[in-house]
Amino acid sequence: MAKNVLERDETLEVKKDGEMARILNSSLTPPSVDDVIEGKVIGIEKASVYVDIPPFGTGIIFGREYINARDIIKKINIGDSVAGKVVSLDNKDGYIEISLKEARQALIWSEAEDAIRDKKIFELPVLEANKGGLILAWQGITGFLPASQLKTEHYPRVADGDKDRILEELKKLVGQKISVAIIGASPKEGKLIFSEKNPEQKNKDYIIGKYALGDEVVGEVTGMVDFGVFVKLEEGLEGLVHISEIDWALVDNPKLLFHIGEKVKVKIIEIKEGKISLSIKALKENPWKDAENKYKKDDVVDGVVIKFNKHGALASIEEGIAGLVHISEFGSDQALHDKLELGKSYKFKITMFDPKEQKMTLSYIDPTKKD
């Protein structure tokens, strides 16, 4: 029987219904660099491993990626399922180059986001102390526990806030194990933020029972992550404003829009399994309603390029109304960037407009070409 080669400590566990399933690219869209893909091992050579990635071809782990993953590869058998992160699509032999080590990191960050969402508690040793707080590590990732997030019994009681004395008190915790939750995760920066404060959950059902769908309430921002913002409605109850529910306009980084302790008005849009989902944009007028009467297919409009992605460019024709300019119009990513520049305005033709589904596609009108 083939061994499961992706174990937590040294290898990556493929979880069909868990974290990995959410980050695997399950569509038929060809993979892009940084996508996590899955396939079966079909060949193992001295310095290469080949992985079948239907219907897109064969993946290869070789060179530096082979060396980095040698501990994993030792336990691989032909027929095993493995997941890897795409590092190159331009292999000279036509293979998709993948990395097992980087895929493991992708899973760890996915687990960190789940831990934030589920309020998981971890027993972690204190590695270091500084004047601002404590240094801990989880799954090999170093994180920071601010002194303000310590429980009362661990918070340094120092008169006049003397930083040197605070540091001496914090150093007494080095080597001890403390119970913490992850409250912030930044994969791009490779950082975690911890908190020792854990509200009692025994009254949570009672607290949630005081709220109903559609309620509009004011809460306090307690954390920002790549996928949204956590808002405390009252002691012991937090809800998530998913990034898609922050604004009708595109939001790239919630951390740039909010700060800890900020008061925000939110609307409750879901209560399920002890969790509350919130929305900020639901309190704002839906711009697509007005757009339905202002635009139609074949209209020529001005649009500002607000983002590039693997499918092309997003252009906004007004606040909250954006459409995709597909890369196929340009032939290549380089040609797309040669014609369109982030933040600049261009003429576009609306090729598809569905305000009810809030979808729109645009076609670039090249001013250098005559009709």
Foldseek 3Di string as FASTA:
>chain_A
DADQLADLQQGRGDDCPDLNVVQADPDPDDDDAFRKYKFFWADDDPFKTWGQGPPQGIEMQGDPLSVVNVVSVVRGDGGHMAMFGFHDCPPVVRHGYTHRVVVSVVSVLSVLVVLQQVVDKDWWAFAAAALQATWTDDSRFIEGEGLVQEPPVLRDDDPPSDSVSRRVSRRVRHGGIAIWTWNEDDVVVSYTYIHRDDFDQPCLVVVCVVDDAFDKAKFFWAGFYQQFTWTARDGNAIATAGLVQEALAHDGGVVVVDDGGDIAIWGFHDDDPSHTYIHRHVVPDQPLVVVVVVDDAFDKAKWAFADADPQATWTARDGSQIAGAGPVLQPDPVSRCVQHDHGDIFIWGWHDDDSVVSYTHIYGDDPVDDD
